[in-house]
Amino acid sequence: MSMKRKVIRIGVLGCGSVGSSFIRALKKNRNLIRERTGIEFFVVKVCDRDRKKAKFFPQLYTSRDADVTNSPEIDIVVELIGGVEHAYEIVRTSIKNGKSVVTANKALISEKGMEIFRLAGQNGVHIGFEASVAGAIPVIKAIRESFVGNRISSMLGILNGTTNYILTSMSLYGTTFAQALVEAQRLGYAEANPALDVSGLDTAHKLSILSALAFGRQIYWRDIHVEGMEFIEAMDVAFTREFGYRMKLLAIARKKGQELDIRVHPTLLPATHPLSAVEGVYNAVYLESDLAGKSLLYGEGAGGTAATSAVISDVVDIGRKLSENNLPSRSGLYEDPRTVVVPMKEISSRYYFRFTALDKPGVLSRIAEILGNNGISIASVIQKEESPEKAVPVLMLTHTAKEDSVQKAVAAVNRLNVIRKPAVLIRLSE
């Protein structure tokens, strides 16, 4: 009978906000973790290309990846550098050298996840990736473990704290998109270049990972229909509140039979929906399944400490397995070849439209006629302010319609000579 290991040694690659937060937090809470697990966790090497980081960890610092990935004394490699290609090389080398890996890198897992897990299985090591989705919320652990006996039918997620902060600011305080973004950057919630967040691509990376866990089909983020929120104006947020809805940048995945409807875009939720109450930088995932029913996982999704919590969770979980000499379990990412993705043009939804039209008699009837000819039924209309000389917003909510018909109708309305701006289209989710 082999003795249990009492010490786990860790190498960290990437010493940005999450990396430095992880190193400090692990040291600060080392005694607490030892009391709970019986294991000592030590960071023995810290690698970063920026040599200025050496002053923070002078005894541990190196600028060479190989000092971590090839070191015989390191049990777990924590990859926090971001990006895909360089990170993949680090992870692949670490695995081949018999080291377990923890990563917070959603782009890496969404792009190379299947290859990484295959390689880990071949080399008998563990992979932890909880911090890649939704910060401190243990959504990956919940789907892999707590919901393992459930058939999940629907998953709606607020997976990006930056965009949720912007939409909250626009909704509660009437700020413009630009003003809210500047404030998010000032507070450290948004990057200097926020394109990945506001374009919806960050959310798509995370949805790619969750789709594999929940539905047995990893849809690569490039194949997910994604719309960002750059076109959203304060009036859209205000007007949709009047209709009784709240706007969120939503990750949506629903499975019916073998058909998977998966997309990312600004979405209107009824004010009574649990996700409508998720404000600021908080993230949440709303699941519907056959046995557990409706569940909401909620918590902080942005910031170094939220991700740090998830990284420590993975490190300790893997450390326990190494201590017990446990063989790696399946990652939970698997492929069900029977699952087919529903093309975007075939989805059905309710819609919010904002048409910017000249305030002239007959305009509303011309728009309604085009919608009707495409099988789109109007549920309610608001026309804001009267001004014959200039264009005014005409707001509509529709009954359920098919995406393909909606796109054709909107294109036809946009061609009318009384329309002054391209129409804004936002889907509803009940």
Protein backbone atom coordinates (compact mmCIF):
# COMPACT_ATOMS: atom_id res chain seq x y z
CA MET A 1 0.00 0.00 0.00
CA SER A 2 1.56 3.30 -1.11
CA MET A 3 1.95 6.23 1.26
CA LYS A 4 -0.23 9.29 0.65
CA ARG A 5 1.64 12.30 -0.65
CA LYS A 6 1.58 15.19 1.81
CA VAL A 7 3.20 17.88 -0.34
CA ILE A 8 2.14 19.15 -3.78
CA ARG A 9 4.49 21.47 -5.67
CA ILE A 10 3.15 23.97 -8.18
CA GLY A 11 4.65 25.93 -11.06
CA VAL A 12 2.83 29.04 -12.33
CA LEU A 13 3.14 30.38 -15.87
CA GLY A 14 1.79 33.90 -16.25
CA CYS A 15 1.98 36.42 -13.45
CA GLY A 16 -0.75 38.92 -14.35
CA SER A 17 -3.67 39.82 -12.11
CA VAL A 18 -4.93 36.22 -11.75
CA GLY A 19 -1.47 34.68 -11.48
CA SER A 20 -0.21 37.03 -8.76
CA SER A 21 -3.56 36.83 -6.94
CA PHE A 22 -3.39 33.02 -6.98
CA ILE A 23 0.17 32.92 -5.60
CA ARG A 24 -0.69 35.33 -2.75
CA ALA A 25 -4.00 33.63 -1.92
CA LEU A 26 -2.50 30.15 -1.85
CA LYS A 27 0.21 31.33 0.55
CA LYS A 28 -2.28 33.22 2.72
CA ASN A 29 -4.69 30.27 2.99
CA ARG A 30 -2.12 27.46 3.02
CA ASN A 31 -2.77 26.51 6.65
CA LEU A 32 -6.54 26.50 6.10
CA ILE A 33 -6.16 24.25 3.05
CA ARG A 34 -3.79 21.92 4.93
CA GLU A 35 -6.30 21.60 7.79
CA ARG A 36 -9.05 20.71 5.33
CA THR A 37 -7.05 18.35 3.12
CA GLY A 38 -4.01 17.17 5.03
CA ILE A 39 -1.83 18.36 2.13
CA GLU A 40 0.69 21.21 1.86
CA PHE A 41 0.54 23.17 -1.40
CA PHE A 42 3.65 25.17 -2.36
CA VAL A 43 4.38 27.37 -5.37
CA VAL A 44 8.00 26.55 -6.22
CA LYS A 45 8.44 28.34 -9.57
CA VAL A 46 6.88 31.39 -11.23
CA CYS A 47 7.47 32.11 -14.92
CA ASP A 48 6.71 35.34 -16.75
CA ARG A 49 8.30 36.88 -19.84
CA ASP A 50 8.23 40.30 -18.13
CA ARG A 51 11.44 40.36 -16.10
CA LYS A 52 10.06 43.17 -13.94
CA LYS A 53 7.93 40.52 -12.22
CA ALA A 54 11.10 39.08 -10.68
CA LYS A 55 11.01 41.69 -7.90
CA PHE A 56 7.68 40.35 -6.64
CA PHE A 57 8.84 36.71 -6.39
CA PRO A 58 12.65 36.90 -6.36
CA GLN A 59 13.20 33.37 -5.01
CA LEU A 60 10.74 31.76 -7.42
CA TYR A 61 11.05 33.77 -10.62
CA THR A 62 12.20 32.53 -14.03
CA SER A 63 11.67 33.82 -17.54
CA ARG A 64 12.02 30.36 -19.14
CA ASP A 65 8.94 28.17 -19.68
CA ALA A 66 11.08 25.04 -19.56
CA ASP A 67 12.06 25.76 -15.93
CA VAL A 68 8.41 24.97 -15.12
CA THR A 69 7.30 22.50 -17.79
CA ASN A 70 10.43 20.32 -17.54
CA SER A 71 11.11 20.55 -13.79
CA PRO A 72 10.97 17.10 -12.14
CA GLU A 73 9.91 18.61 -8.81
CA ILE A 74 6.69 20.23 -10.09
CA ASP A 75 3.45 18.22 -9.81
CA ILE A 76 0.90 20.74 -11.14
CA VAL A 77 1.44 23.41 -13.79
CA VAL A 78 -0.93 26.40 -13.58
CA GLU A 79 -1.22 28.08 -17.00
CA LEU A 80 -2.42 31.70 -16.79
CA ILE A 81 -0.75 33.37 -19.77
CA GLY A 82 -3.83 33.50 -22.05
CA GLY A 83 -3.88 33.19 -25.83
CA VAL A 84 -3.93 29.87 -27.66
CA GLU A 85 -0.79 28.74 -29.49
CA HIS A 86 1.88 29.51 -26.85
CA ALA A 87 -0.40 28.31 -24.06
CA TYR A 88 -1.10 25.08 -25.96
CA GLU A 89 2.62 24.38 -26.33
CA ILE A 90 3.08 24.89 -22.58
CA VAL A 91 0.16 22.62 -21.70
CA ARG A 92 1.17 19.92 -24.19
CA THR A 93 4.80 19.88 -22.96
CA SER A 94 3.67 19.75 -19.32
CA ILE A 95 1.31 16.83 -20.00
CA LYS A 96 3.96 14.88 -21.91
CA ASN A 97 6.29 15.39 -18.94
CA GLY A 98 3.70 13.79 -16.66
CA LYS A 99 2.40 16.97 -15.03
CA SER A 100 -1.23 17.73 -14.30
CA VAL A 101 -2.44 21.12 -15.55
CA VAL A 102 -4.83 23.80 -14.29
CA THR A 103 -5.85 26.58 -16.67
CA ALA A 104 -8.17 29.60 -16.67
CA ASN A 105 -7.83 29.91 -20.45
CA LYS A 106 -11.28 29.73 -22.09
CA ALA A 107 -9.88 30.41 -25.58
CA LEU A 108 -7.49 27.47 -25.19
CA ILE A 109 -10.12 25.02 -23.94
CA SER A 110 -12.71 26.09 -26.50
CA GLU A 111 -10.14 25.75 -29.31
CA LYS A 112 -7.99 22.80 -28.24
CA GLY A 113 -9.95 21.17 -25.41
CA MET A 114 -10.53 17.79 -27.05
CA GLU A 115 -6.86 17.43 -28.00
CA ILE A 116 -5.72 18.39 -24.50
CA PHE A 117 -8.02 15.88 -22.78
CA ARG A 118 -7.04 13.12 -25.18
CA LEU A 119 -3.36 13.79 -24.47
CA ALA A 120 -3.99 13.94 -20.72
CA GLY A 121 -5.71 10.54 -20.84
CA GLN A 122 -2.79 9.03 -22.74
CA ASN A 123 -0.32 10.36 -20.16
CA GLY A 124 -2.37 9.65 -17.03
CA VAL A 125 -2.58 13.25 -15.78
CA HIS A 126 -5.40 15.50 -14.58
CA ILE A 127 -6.75 18.71 -16.21
CA GLY A 128 -8.61 21.44 -14.28
CA PHE A 129 -10.41 24.21 -16.16
CA GLU A 130 -13.06 25.54 -13.76
CA ALA A 131 -11.72 29.11 -13.96
CA SER A 132 -12.23 29.20 -17.74
CA VAL A 133 -15.98 29.91 -17.35
CA ALA A 134 -17.89 32.21 -14.99
CA GLY A 135 -15.15 33.14 -12.51
CA ALA A 136 -15.88 31.92 -9.00
CA ILE A 137 -19.09 30.05 -9.93
CA PRO A 138 -18.46 26.27 -9.91
CA VAL A 139 -20.55 25.75 -13.04
CA ILE A 140 -18.20 23.22 -14.66
CA LYS A 141 -18.02 21.15 -11.47
CA ALA A 142 -21.82 21.34 -11.13
CA ILE A 143 -22.49 20.12 -14.68
CA ARG A 144 -19.78 17.42 -14.54
CA GLU A 145 -20.72 16.14 -11.09
CA SER A 146 -24.00 17.40 -9.62
CA PHE A 147 -25.96 17.18 -12.90
CA VAL A 148 -24.22 14.06 -14.24
CA GLY A 149 -27.47 12.04 -14.03
CA ASN A 150 -29.61 14.76 -15.64
CA ARG A 151 -30.60 15.44 -19.22
CA ILE A 152 -30.13 19.20 -19.52
CA SER A 153 -32.65 20.70 -21.95
CA SER A 154 -31.88 24.41 -21.65
CA MET A 155 -28.96 26.59 -20.56
CA LEU A 156 -29.01 30.39 -20.47
CA GLY A 157 -25.91 32.20 -19.27
CA ILE A 158 -24.66 35.67 -18.42
CA LEU A 159 -20.99 34.77 -18.85
CA ASN A 160 -19.27 38.14 -19.26
CA GLY A 161 -19.08 40.57 -16.35
CA THR A 162 -17.93 43.51 -18.49
CA THR A 163 -20.98 43.52 -20.76
CA ASN A 164 -23.36 42.86 -17.87
CA TYR A 165 -21.90 45.86 -16.02
CA ILE A 166 -22.38 48.05 -19.12
CA LEU A 167 -26.00 46.96 -19.64
CA THR A 168 -26.76 47.43 -15.92
CA SER A 169 -25.36 50.97 -16.02
CA MET A 170 -27.37 51.79 -19.15
CA SER A 171 -30.52 50.31 -17.61
CA LEU A 172 -30.36 51.80 -14.12
CA TYR A 173 -28.66 55.14 -14.78
CA GLY A 174 -29.46 55.90 -18.43
CA THR A 175 -25.80 56.14 -19.42
CA THR A 176 -24.76 55.65 -23.03
CA PHE A 177 -22.86 52.55 -24.14
CA ALA A 178 -19.66 54.62 -24.51
CA GLN A 179 -20.00 56.19 -21.03
CA ALA A 180 -20.66 52.82 -19.38
CA LEU A 181 -17.67 51.25 -21.16
CA VAL A 182 -15.31 54.04 -20.00
CA GLU A 183 -16.54 53.55 -16.42
CA ALA A 184 -16.05 49.76 -16.67
CA GLN A 185 -12.47 50.35 -17.84
CA ARG A 186 -11.82 52.84 -15.02
CA LEU A 187 -12.99 50.27 -12.46
CA GLY A 188 -10.86 47.52 -14.00
CA TYR A 189 -13.82 45.42 -15.23
CA ALA A 190 -13.04 46.00 -18.92
CA GLU A 191 -9.74 45.68 -20.76
CA ALA A 192 -8.14 48.64 -22.53
CA ASN A 193 -9.22 46.84 -25.72
CA PRO A 194 -12.69 45.49 -24.84
CA ALA A 195 -13.44 44.06 -28.31
CA LEU A 196 -13.50 40.41 -27.17
CA ASP A 197 -16.09 41.22 -24.49
CA VAL A 198 -18.47 43.57 -26.29
CA SER A 199 -18.38 41.56 -29.55
CA GLY A 200 -19.73 38.51 -27.70
CA LEU A 201 -16.70 36.36 -28.61
CA ASP A 202 -15.61 35.91 -24.98
CA THR A 203 -19.08 34.58 -24.19
CA ALA A 204 -18.92 32.29 -27.25
CA HIS A 205 -15.64 30.75 -26.03
CA LYS A 206 -17.29 29.92 -22.71
CA LEU A 207 -20.50 28.64 -24.29
CA SER A 208 -18.40 26.34 -26.49
CA ILE A 209 -17.00 24.70 -23.35
CA LEU A 210 -20.35 24.45 -21.57
CA SER A 211 -22.09 23.02 -24.65
CA ALA A 212 -19.75 20.03 -24.64
CA LEU A 213 -20.32 19.39 -20.94
CA ALA A 214 -24.10 19.85 -21.01
CA PHE A 215 -25.07 18.47 -24.42
CA GLY A 216 -22.32 16.17 -25.60
CA ARG A 217 -21.37 18.33 -28.54
CA GLN A 218 -18.60 20.90 -28.48
CA ILE A 219 -19.56 23.61 -30.93
CA TYR A 220 -16.43 25.55 -31.78
CA TRP A 221 -16.86 29.21 -31.03
CA ARG A 222 -16.34 30.12 -34.68
CA ASP A 223 -19.43 28.06 -35.56
CA ILE A 224 -21.67 29.71 -32.94
CA HIS A 225 -23.92 32.54 -34.16
CA VAL A 226 -22.58 35.58 -32.29
CA GLU A 227 -23.82 39.17 -32.15
CA GLY A 228 -22.22 41.81 -29.98
CA MET A 229 -23.78 44.79 -28.26
CA GLU A 230 -22.04 47.66 -30.04
CA PHE A 231 -25.32 48.62 -31.78
CA ILE A 232 -27.31 48.88 -28.51
CA GLU A 233 -28.38 52.43 -27.60
CA ALA A 234 -29.64 53.77 -24.28
CA MET A 235 -33.10 54.19 -25.81
CA ASP A 236 -33.30 50.44 -26.55
CA VAL A 237 -32.56 49.59 -22.93
CA ALA A 238 -35.06 52.20 -21.69
CA PHE A 239 -37.81 51.30 -24.14
CA THR A 240 -37.59 47.57 -23.49
CA ARG A 241 -37.96 48.28 -19.76
CA GLU A 242 -41.26 49.94 -20.67
CA PHE A 243 -42.30 46.69 -22.35
CA GLY A 244 -41.43 44.82 -19.12
CA TYR A 245 -38.12 43.31 -20.21
CA ARG A 246 -34.46 43.48 -19.19
CA MET A 247 -31.61 43.29 -21.70
CA LYS A 248 -28.71 40.87 -21.24
CA LEU A 249 -25.90 39.62 -23.48
CA LEU A 250 -26.93 35.98 -23.28
CA ALA A 251 -25.37 32.62 -24.08
CA ILE A 252 -28.23 30.39 -25.18
CA ALA A 253 -28.19 26.62 -25.72
CA ARG A 254 -31.31 24.47 -25.92
CA LYS A 255 -31.60 20.85 -26.92
CA LYS A 256 -34.76 19.19 -28.21
CA GLY A 257 -34.34 15.61 -29.32
CA GLN A 258 -31.05 15.60 -31.19
CA GLU A 259 -31.33 19.25 -32.28
CA LEU A 260 -29.20 21.88 -30.53
CA ASP A 261 -30.06 25.59 -30.78
CA ILE A 262 -26.93 27.52 -29.74
CA ARG A 263 -26.17 31.25 -30.05
CA VAL A 264 -24.87 34.42 -28.35
CA HIS A 265 -26.58 37.79 -28.70
CA PRO A 266 -28.28 40.61 -26.76
CA THR A 267 -31.55 39.16 -25.46
CA LEU A 268 -34.65 40.52 -23.76
CA LEU A 269 -35.79 38.59 -20.70
CA PRO A 270 -39.03 39.18 -18.77
CA ALA A 271 -38.37 41.28 -15.66
CA THR A 272 -39.59 38.29 -13.60
CA HIS A 273 -36.93 35.91 -15.00
CA PRO A 274 -34.20 34.99 -12.43
CA LEU A 275 -31.45 36.19 -14.81
CA SER A 276 -33.05 39.65 -15.04
CA ALA A 277 -31.97 40.32 -11.44
CA VAL A 278 -28.29 39.57 -12.20
CA GLU A 279 -26.68 43.02 -12.23
CA GLY A 280 -23.21 44.56 -12.40
CA VAL A 281 -20.22 42.28 -12.94
CA TYR A 282 -22.04 39.22 -11.67
CA ASN A 283 -22.40 36.10 -13.82
CA ALA A 284 -25.10 33.45 -13.70
CA VAL A 285 -26.10 30.23 -15.44
CA TYR A 286 -29.73 29.11 -15.54
CA LEU A 287 -30.28 25.40 -16.23
CA GLU A 288 -33.37 23.32 -16.88
CA SER A 289 -33.06 19.54 -16.61
CA ASP A 290 -35.29 16.50 -16.31
CA LEU A 291 -34.51 15.60 -12.69
CA ALA A 292 -33.23 18.77 -10.99
CA GLY A 293 -35.77 21.05 -12.68
CA LYS A 294 -34.79 24.71 -12.78
CA SER A 295 -31.48 25.78 -11.20
CA LEU A 296 -29.58 29.07 -10.98
CA LEU A 297 -25.82 29.25 -10.37
CA TYR A 298 -24.82 32.81 -9.47
CA GLY A 299 -21.67 34.63 -8.40
CA GLU A 300 -18.84 36.99 -9.27
CA GLY A 301 -17.53 36.48 -12.76
CA ALA A 302 -15.01 39.29 -13.26
CA GLY A 303 -11.80 40.16 -11.43
CA GLY A 304 -8.68 38.37 -10.29
CA THR A 305 -9.98 37.05 -6.97
CA ALA A 306 -13.05 35.37 -8.54
CA ALA A 307 -10.84 33.45 -10.98
CA THR A 308 -8.34 32.76 -8.20
CA SER A 309 -11.02 30.96 -6.20
CA ALA A 310 -11.69 28.63 -9.12
CA VAL A 311 -7.97 28.03 -9.82
CA ILE A 312 -7.34 27.11 -6.17
CA SER A 313 -10.34 24.78 -6.26
CA ASP A 314 -8.87 22.92 -9.24
CA VAL A 315 -5.36 22.82 -7.75
CA VAL A 316 -6.63 21.37 -4.46
CA ASP A 317 -8.95 18.92 -6.23
CA ILE A 318 -6.09 17.60 -8.37
CA GLY A 319 -3.74 17.65 -5.38
CA ARG A 320 -6.13 15.35 -3.49
CA LYS A 321 -6.25 12.95 -6.46
CA LEU A 322 -2.45 12.91 -6.72
CA SER A 323 -2.23 12.31 -2.96
CA GLU A 324 -4.55 9.31 -3.28
CA ASN A 325 -2.85 8.11 -6.49
CA ASN A 326 -6.21 8.31 -8.28
CA LEU A 327 -6.30 7.76 -12.01
CA PRO A 328 -7.71 10.63 -14.07
CA SER A 329 -11.46 10.58 -14.65
CA ARG A 330 -13.05 11.55 -17.95
CA SER A 331 -13.05 15.29 -18.46
CA GLY A 332 -16.78 15.45 -19.09
CA LEU A 333 -16.12 16.81 -22.59
CA TYR A 334 -17.44 14.18 -24.97
CA GLU A 335 -18.87 13.98 -28.47
CA ASP A 336 -22.35 12.74 -29.35
CA PRO A 337 -22.25 12.53 -33.17
CA ARG A 338 -26.07 12.35 -33.35
CA THR A 339 -26.45 15.95 -32.14
CA VAL A 340 -27.08 18.43 -34.95
CA VAL A 341 -26.99 22.22 -34.71
CA VAL A 342 -30.10 24.10 -35.79
CA PRO A 343 -29.15 26.70 -38.45
CA MET A 344 -29.74 30.24 -37.20
CA LYS A 345 -32.21 31.01 -39.98
CA GLU A 346 -34.47 28.21 -38.72
CA ILE A 347 -34.80 29.31 -35.10
CA SER A 348 -38.06 30.83 -33.88
CA SER A 349 -38.33 33.68 -31.38
CA ARG A 350 -40.22 36.79 -30.46
CA TYR A 351 -38.52 40.03 -31.54
CA TYR A 352 -38.09 43.67 -30.59
CA PHE A 353 -37.65 46.08 -33.51
CA ARG A 354 -36.61 49.73 -33.49
CA PHE A 355 -37.26 51.40 -36.82
CA THR A 356 -36.09 55.01 -37.28
CA ALA A 357 -38.64 56.47 -39.69
CA LEU A 358 -39.90 59.84 -40.90
CA ASP A 359 -43.02 60.85 -38.98
CA LYS A 360 -45.44 60.76 -41.91
CA PRO A 361 -48.94 59.32 -42.39
CA GLY A 362 -48.94 55.74 -43.62
CA VAL A 363 -45.41 54.83 -42.51
CA LEU A 364 -46.59 52.48 -39.78
CA SER A 365 -48.98 50.71 -42.13
CA ARG A 366 -46.22 50.21 -44.74
CA ILE A 367 -43.95 48.62 -42.12
CA ALA A 368 -46.80 46.46 -40.80
CA GLU A 369 -47.63 45.33 -44.33
CA ILE A 370 -44.06 44.14 -44.96
CA LEU A 371 -43.99 42.29 -41.64
CA GLY A 372 -47.37 40.72 -42.37
CA ASN A 373 -46.30 39.59 -45.83
CA ASN A 374 -43.44 37.72 -44.12
CA GLY A 375 -45.71 36.02 -41.59
CA ILE A 376 -44.73 38.30 -38.69
CA SER A 377 -47.52 39.31 -36.31
CA ILE A 378 -47.15 42.49 -34.23
CA ALA A 379 -47.90 42.20 -30.50
CA SER A 380 -47.45 45.86 -29.50
CA VAL A 381 -46.23 49.19 -30.92
CA ILE A 382 -44.91 52.41 -29.41
CA GLN A 383 -44.16 55.47 -31.53
CA LYS A 384 -42.08 57.97 -29.61
CA GLU A 385 -42.64 61.75 -29.99
CA GLU A 386 -44.24 63.50 -32.93
CA SER A 387 -42.01 65.45 -35.28
CA PRO A 388 -42.97 65.63 -38.96
CA GLU A 389 -39.63 67.21 -39.91
CA LYS A 390 -37.36 64.48 -38.57
CA ALA A 391 -37.11 60.74 -38.01
CA VAL A 392 -38.59 59.20 -34.86
CA PRO A 393 -38.20 55.73 -33.31
CA VAL A 394 -40.99 53.24 -33.95
CA LEU A 395 -40.79 50.35 -31.48
CA MET A 396 -42.44 46.97 -31.92
CA LEU A 397 -42.70 43.63 -30.17
CA THR A 398 -43.73 40.67 -32.31
CA HIS A 399 -45.30 37.33 -31.65
CA THR A 400 -43.15 34.26 -32.39
CA ALA A 401 -41.66 34.36 -35.87
CA LYS A 402 -38.97 32.53 -37.85
CA GLU A 403 -35.53 34.11 -38.10
CA ASP A 404 -35.31 33.72 -41.85
CA SER A 405 -38.62 35.58 -42.34
CA VAL A 406 -37.56 38.31 -39.89
CA GLN A 407 -34.28 38.96 -41.69
CA LYS A 408 -36.08 39.24 -45.05
CA ALA A 409 -38.69 41.60 -43.58
CA VAL A 410 -36.12 43.85 -41.89
CA ALA A 411 -34.10 44.08 -45.12
CA ALA A 412 -37.26 45.14 -46.98
CA VAL A 413 -38.18 47.75 -44.35
CA ASN A 414 -34.63 49.15 -44.46
CA ARG A 415 -35.07 49.76 -48.19
CA LEU A 416 -38.09 52.06 -47.65
CA ASN A 417 -37.32 55.70 -48.49
CA VAL A 418 -38.85 56.83 -45.15
CA ILE A 419 -36.36 54.81 -43.09
CA ARG A 420 -33.37 56.83 -41.89
CA LYS A 421 -31.26 54.20 -40.04
CA PRO A 422 -30.89 50.42 -40.29
CA ALA A 423 -33.39 48.69 -38.01
CA VAL A 424 -32.31 47.40 -34.60
CA LEU A 425 -33.38 43.81 -33.94
CA ILE A 426 -33.22 42.12 -30.53
CA ARG A 427 -34.58 38.65 -29.78
CA LEU A 428 -36.69 37.76 -26.74
CA SER A 429 -36.38 34.72 -24.52
CA GLU A 430 -39.24 33.80 -22.21
